[in-house]
């Protein structure tokens, strides 16, 4: 009983130390930062965003760098769902075709990896030369939709 006045403060101090260490462990190492991608805003504003809202996944595609002058054709691609997880590899499920019917595969994806309900990033392709009259970006098999096609005309 005479040591009780020493034991209670010691227990209180240990409890505070434990709670502080617990709160430090549950903090994320770093906050999520979306991919930082430089884009030519003038080119980006030139092209219309095309959206396919078929459930369960909405897909939106916008040309970012595109056309005669661009060495690499880049598209902002956004996938959104409210059910399931977005696990498809965009470089495997998205292709580009031109007026000759040739198929071009994406060479890189600059965006978040698999998972979650929203993924958005830049999908890059080698440019089509000679220049094509139009480009179709096709998204295959996402959300159990066989094919979604988005077209932009390049002829003036």
C-alpha atoms as a PDB file:
ATOM      1  CA  UNK A   1       0.000   0.000   0.000  1.00  0.00           C
ATOM      2  CA  UNK A   2       2.823   2.426   0.747  1.00  0.00           C
ATOM      3  CA  UNK A   3       4.371   1.708  -2.722  1.00  0.00           C
ATOM      4  CA  UNK A   4       1.051   2.274  -4.469  1.00  0.00           C
ATOM      5  CA  UNK A   5       1.812   5.984  -4.980  1.00  0.00           C
ATOM      6  CA  UNK A   6       4.903   4.923  -7.050  1.00  0.00           C
ATOM      7  CA  UNK A   7       3.286   2.049  -8.955  1.00  0.00           C
ATOM      8  CA  UNK A   8       0.251   3.957 -10.301  1.00  0.00           C
ATOM      9  CA  UNK A   9       2.310   6.750 -11.969  1.00  0.00           C
ATOM     10  CA  UNK A  10       4.712   4.135 -13.401  1.00  0.00           C
ATOM     11  CA  UNK A  11       1.801   2.202 -14.944  1.00  0.00           C
ATOM     12  CA  UNK A  12       0.364   5.451 -16.337  1.00  0.00           C
ATOM     13  CA  UNK A  13       3.709   6.377 -17.925  1.00  0.00           C
ATOM     14  CA  UNK A  14       4.070   2.900 -19.471  1.00  0.00           C
ATOM     15  CA  UNK A  15       0.528   3.173 -20.856  1.00  0.00           C
ATOM     16  CA  UNK A  16       1.271   6.537 -22.483  1.00  0.00           C
ATOM     17  CA  UNK A  17       4.527   5.215 -24.000  1.00  0.00           C
ATOM     18  CA  UNK A  18       2.668   2.175 -25.366  1.00  0.00           C
ATOM     19  CA  UNK A  19      -0.097   4.313 -26.937  1.00  0.00           C
ATOM     20  CA  UNK A  20       2.418   6.672 -28.562  1.00  0.00           C
ATOM     21  CA  UNK A  21       4.409   3.776 -30.031  1.00  0.00           C
ATOM     22  CA  UNK A  22       1.190   2.162 -31.282  1.00  0.00           C
ATOM     23  CA  UNK A  23       0.061   5.349 -33.034  1.00  0.00           C
ATOM     24  CA  UNK A  24       3.476   5.729 -34.713  1.00  0.00           C
ATOM     25  CA  UNK A  25       3.281   2.179 -36.109  1.00  0.00           C
ATOM     26  CA  UNK A  26      -0.151   2.719 -37.679  1.00  0.00           C
ATOM     27  CA  UNK A  27       0.887   5.851 -39.605  1.00  0.00           C
ATOM     28  CA  UNK A  28       1.500   5.155 -43.298  1.00  0.00           C
ATOM     29  CA  UNK A  29       5.133   5.355 -44.389  1.00  0.00           C
ATOM     30  CA  UNK A  30       4.210   7.922 -47.003  1.00  0.00           C
ATOM     31  CA  UNK A  31       1.013   9.333 -48.394  1.00  0.00           C
ATOM     32  CA  UNK A  32      -0.230   8.161 -51.792  1.00  0.00           C
ATOM     33  CA  UNK A  33       0.953  10.471 -54.549  1.00  0.00           C
ATOM     34  CA  UNK A  34      -0.553  10.110 -58.018  1.00  0.00           C
ATOM     35  CA  UNK A  35       1.898   9.722 -60.882  1.00  0.00           C
ATOM     36  CA  UNK A  36       3.449  13.039 -61.868  1.00  0.00           C
ATOM     37  CA  UNK A  37       3.399  13.246 -65.634  1.00  0.00           C
ATOM     38  CA  UNK A  38       4.370  16.286 -67.665  1.00  0.00           C
ATOM     39  CA  UNK A  39       1.980  16.938 -70.494  1.00  0.00           C
ATOM     40  CA  UNK A  40       1.782  19.546 -73.194  1.00  0.00           C
ATOM     41  CA  UNK A  41      -1.357  21.389 -72.025  1.00  0.00           C
ATOM     42  CA  UNK A  42      -1.967  22.933 -75.466  1.00  0.00           C
ATOM     43  CA  UNK A  43      -2.066  19.490 -77.106  1.00  0.00           C
ATOM     44  CA  UNK A  44      -4.068  18.019 -74.223  1.00  0.00           C
ATOM     45  CA  UNK A  45      -6.828  20.619 -74.596  1.00  0.00           C
ATOM     46  CA  UNK A  46      -7.065  19.977 -78.341  1.00  0.00           C
ATOM     47  CA  UNK A  47      -8.512  16.464 -78.093  1.00  0.00           C
ATOM     48  CA  UNK A  48     -11.867  15.328 -76.746  1.00  0.00           C
ATOM     49  CA  UNK A  49     -12.197  12.849 -73.881  1.00  0.00           C
ATOM     50  CA  UNK A  50     -14.172   9.766 -74.937  1.00  0.00           C
ATOM     51  CA  UNK A  51     -16.015   7.799 -72.240  1.00  0.00           C
ATOM     52  CA  UNK A  52     -17.623   4.350 -72.176  1.00  0.00           C
ATOM     53  CA  UNK A  53     -19.845   3.989 -69.105  1.00  0.00           C
ATOM     54  CA  UNK A  54     -20.822   0.325 -69.484  1.00  0.00           C
ATOM     55  CA  UNK A  55     -20.926  -1.256 -66.045  1.00  0.00           C
ATOM     56  CA  UNK A  56     -19.185  -2.464 -64.005  1.00  0.00           C
ATOM     57  CA  UNK A  57     -16.185  -0.386 -65.219  1.00  0.00           C
ATOM     58  CA  UNK A  58     -16.271   3.097 -66.716  1.00  0.00           C
ATOM     59  CA  UNK A  59     -13.372   3.850 -69.073  1.00  0.00           C
ATOM     60  CA  UNK A  60     -12.345   7.353 -70.205  1.00  0.00           C
ATOM     61  CA  UNK A  61      -9.573   8.030 -72.742  1.00  0.00           C
ATOM     62  CA  UNK A  62      -8.044  11.399 -73.681  1.00  0.00           C
ATOM     63  CA  UNK A  63      -5.169  11.946 -76.117  1.00  0.00           C
ATOM     64  CA  UNK A  64      -2.374  13.848 -74.382  1.00  0.00           C
ATOM     65  CA  UNK A  65       0.408  13.872 -76.995  1.00  0.00           C
ATOM     66  CA  UNK A  66      -0.918  12.951 -80.371  1.00  0.00           C
ATOM     67  CA  UNK A  67      -0.777  13.680 -84.082  1.00  0.00           C
ATOM     68  CA  UNK A  68       1.781  14.447 -86.806  1.00  0.00           C
ATOM     69  CA  UNK A  69       4.323  16.229 -84.629  1.00  0.00           C
ATOM     70  CA  UNK A  70       4.359  13.776 -81.704  1.00  0.00           C
ATOM     71  CA  UNK A  71       7.066  11.087 -81.709  1.00  0.00           C
ATOM     72  CA  UNK A  72       5.217   9.125 -79.031  1.00  0.00           C
ATOM     73  CA  UNK A  73       1.433   9.032 -78.755  1.00  0.00           C
ATOM     74  CA  UNK A  74       0.219   9.279 -75.176  1.00  0.00           C
ATOM     75  CA  UNK A  75      -3.280   8.825 -73.826  1.00  0.00           C
ATOM     76  CA  UNK A  76      -4.642   9.542 -70.370  1.00  0.00           C
ATOM     77  CA  UNK A  77      -6.670   6.432 -69.513  1.00  0.00           C
ATOM     78  CA  UNK A  78      -8.958   6.284 -66.469  1.00  0.00           C
ATOM     79  CA  UNK A  79     -10.733   3.174 -65.157  1.00  0.00           C
ATOM     80  CA  UNK A  80     -13.417   3.537 -62.465  1.00  0.00           C
ATOM     81  CA  UNK A  81     -15.523   0.866 -60.762  1.00  0.00           C
ATOM     82  CA  UNK A  82     -17.648   0.596 -57.629  1.00  0.00           C
ATOM     83  CA  UNK A  83     -17.415  -3.169 -57.447  1.00  0.00           C
ATOM     84  CA  UNK A  84     -14.439  -5.457 -57.671  1.00  0.00           C
ATOM     85  CA  UNK A  85     -10.838  -4.489 -58.195  1.00  0.00           C
ATOM     86  CA  UNK A  86      -9.079  -3.024 -61.229  1.00  0.00           C
ATOM     87  CA  UNK A  87      -6.358  -5.618 -61.743  1.00  0.00           C
ATOM     88  CA  UNK A  88      -5.911  -5.644 -65.548  1.00  0.00           C
ATOM     89  CA  UNK A  89      -2.564  -4.526 -66.992  1.00  0.00           C
ATOM     90  CA  UNK A  90      -3.378  -1.581 -69.299  1.00  0.00           C
ATOM     91  CA  UNK A  91      -0.443  -2.459 -71.594  1.00  0.00           C
ATOM     92  CA  UNK A  92      -2.083  -5.843 -72.205  1.00  0.00           C
ATOM     93  CA  UNK A  93      -5.759  -4.862 -72.554  1.00  0.00           C
ATOM     94  CA  UNK A  94      -5.457  -1.625 -74.569  1.00  0.00           C
ATOM     95  CA  UNK A  95      -4.353  -1.494 -78.216  1.00  0.00           C
ATOM     96  CA  UNK A  96      -4.329   1.181 -80.894  1.00  0.00           C
ATOM     97  CA  UNK A  97      -5.305   0.719 -84.558  1.00  0.00           C
ATOM     98  CA  UNK A  98      -5.103   3.017 -87.559  1.00  0.00           C
ATOM     99  CA  UNK A  99      -6.867   3.294 -90.904  1.00  0.00           C
ATOM    100  CA  UNK A 100      -4.805   0.423 -92.382  1.00  0.00           C
ATOM    101  CA  UNK A 101      -6.055  -1.967 -89.690  1.00  0.00           C
ATOM    102  CA  UNK A 102      -2.637  -2.587 -88.102  1.00  0.00           C
ATOM    103  CA  UNK A 103      -2.641  -3.157 -84.342  1.00  0.00           C
ATOM    104  CA  UNK A 104      -0.148  -1.373 -82.082  1.00  0.00           C
ATOM    105  CA  UNK A 105       0.533  -2.429 -78.498  1.00  0.00           C
ATOM    106  CA  UNK A 106       1.207   0.036 -75.714  1.00  0.00           C
ATOM    107  CA  UNK A 107       4.856   0.314 -74.734  1.00  0.00           C
ATOM    108  CA  UNK A 108       4.389   1.743 -71.241  1.00  0.00           C
ATOM    109  CA  UNK A 109       1.905   2.578 -68.481  1.00  0.00           C
ATOM    110  CA  UNK A 110       2.736   5.459 -66.143  1.00  0.00           C
ATOM    111  CA  UNK A 111       0.165   5.066 -63.403  1.00  0.00           C
ATOM    112  CA  UNK A 112      -0.727   3.030 -60.327  1.00  0.00           C
ATOM    113  CA  UNK A 113      -0.394  -0.741 -60.241  1.00  0.00           C
ATOM    114  CA  UNK A 114      -3.217  -3.281 -59.956  1.00  0.00           C
ATOM    115  CA  UNK A 115      -6.011  -2.921 -57.416  1.00  0.00           C
ATOM    116  CA  UNK A 116      -8.475  -0.386 -56.137  1.00  0.00           C
ATOM    117  CA  UNK A 117     -11.577   1.207 -57.607  1.00  0.00           C
ATOM    118  CA  UNK A 118      -9.873   3.966 -59.631  1.00  0.00           C
ATOM    119  CA  UNK A 119      -6.764   3.816 -61.815  1.00  0.00           C
ATOM    120  CA  UNK A 120      -5.619   6.618 -64.027  1.00  0.00           C
ATOM    121  CA  UNK A 121      -2.371   7.056 -65.885  1.00  0.00           C
ATOM    122  CA  UNK A 122      -0.618   7.721 -69.151  1.00  0.00           C
ATOM    123  CA  UNK A 123      -0.514   4.922 -71.717  1.00  0.00           C
ATOM    124  CA  UNK A 124       2.182   5.411 -74.386  1.00  0.00           C
ATOM    125  CA  UNK A 125       2.426   4.023 -77.913  1.00  0.00           C
ATOM    126  CA  UNK A 126       4.917   4.520 -80.724  1.00  0.00           C
ATOM    127  CA  UNK A 127       3.422   6.954 -83.226  1.00  0.00           C
ATOM    128  CA  UNK A 128       1.941   5.607 -86.451  1.00  0.00           C
ATOM    129  CA  UNK A 129       3.938   6.567 -89.536  1.00  0.00           C
ATOM    130  CA  UNK A 130       2.990   7.470 -92.124  1.00  0.00           C
ATOM    131  CA  UNK A 131       0.256   9.393 -90.373  1.00  0.00           C
ATOM    132  CA  UNK A 132      -3.101   7.641 -90.306  1.00  0.00           C
ATOM    133  CA  UNK A 133      -6.506   9.222 -91.052  1.00  0.00           C
ATOM    134  CA  UNK A 134      -7.888   8.121 -87.702  1.00  0.00           C
ATOM    135  CA  UNK A 135      -6.912   6.221 -84.577  1.00  0.00           C
ATOM    136  CA  UNK A 136      -8.993   3.759 -82.593  1.00  0.00           C
ATOM    137  CA  UNK A 137      -7.983   2.997 -79.011  1.00  0.00           C
ATOM    138  CA  UNK A 138      -9.524  -0.334 -78.062  1.00  0.00           C
ATOM    139  CA  UNK A 139      -9.941  -1.599 -74.505  1.00  0.00           C
ATOM    140  CA  UNK A 140     -10.486  -5.356 -74.496  1.00  0.00           C
ATOM    141  CA  UNK A 141     -12.105  -7.474 -71.777  1.00  0.00           C
ATOM    142  CA  UNK A 142     -12.190  -4.899 -68.967  1.00  0.00           C
ATOM    143  CA  UNK A 143     -15.285  -5.358 -66.804  1.00  0.00           C
ATOM    144  CA  UNK A 144     -16.312  -8.344 -68.929  1.00  0.00           C
ATOM    145  CA  UNK A 145     -16.995  -6.042 -71.902  1.00  0.00           C
ATOM    146  CA  UNK A 146     -15.473  -7.685 -74.981  1.00  0.00           C
ATOM    147  CA  UNK A 147     -14.328  -4.437 -76.613  1.00  0.00           C
ATOM    148  CA  UNK A 148     -14.717  -0.705 -76.083  1.00  0.00           C
ATOM    149  CA  UNK A 149     -13.550   1.482 -78.957  1.00  0.00           C
ATOM    150  CA  UNK A 150     -12.644   5.191 -78.923  1.00  0.00           C
ATOM    151  CA  UNK A 151     -11.916   7.019 -82.222  1.00  0.00           C
ATOM    152  CA  UNK A 152     -10.181  10.288 -83.081  1.00  0.00           C
ATOM    153  CA  UNK A 153      -9.875  11.626 -86.649  1.00  0.00           C
ATOM    154  CA  UNK A 154      -6.486  12.993 -87.684  1.00  0.00           C
ATOM    155  CA  UNK A 155      -7.219  14.088 -91.257  1.00  0.00           C
ATOM    156  CA  UNK A 156      -7.767  17.795 -91.746  1.00  0.00           C
END
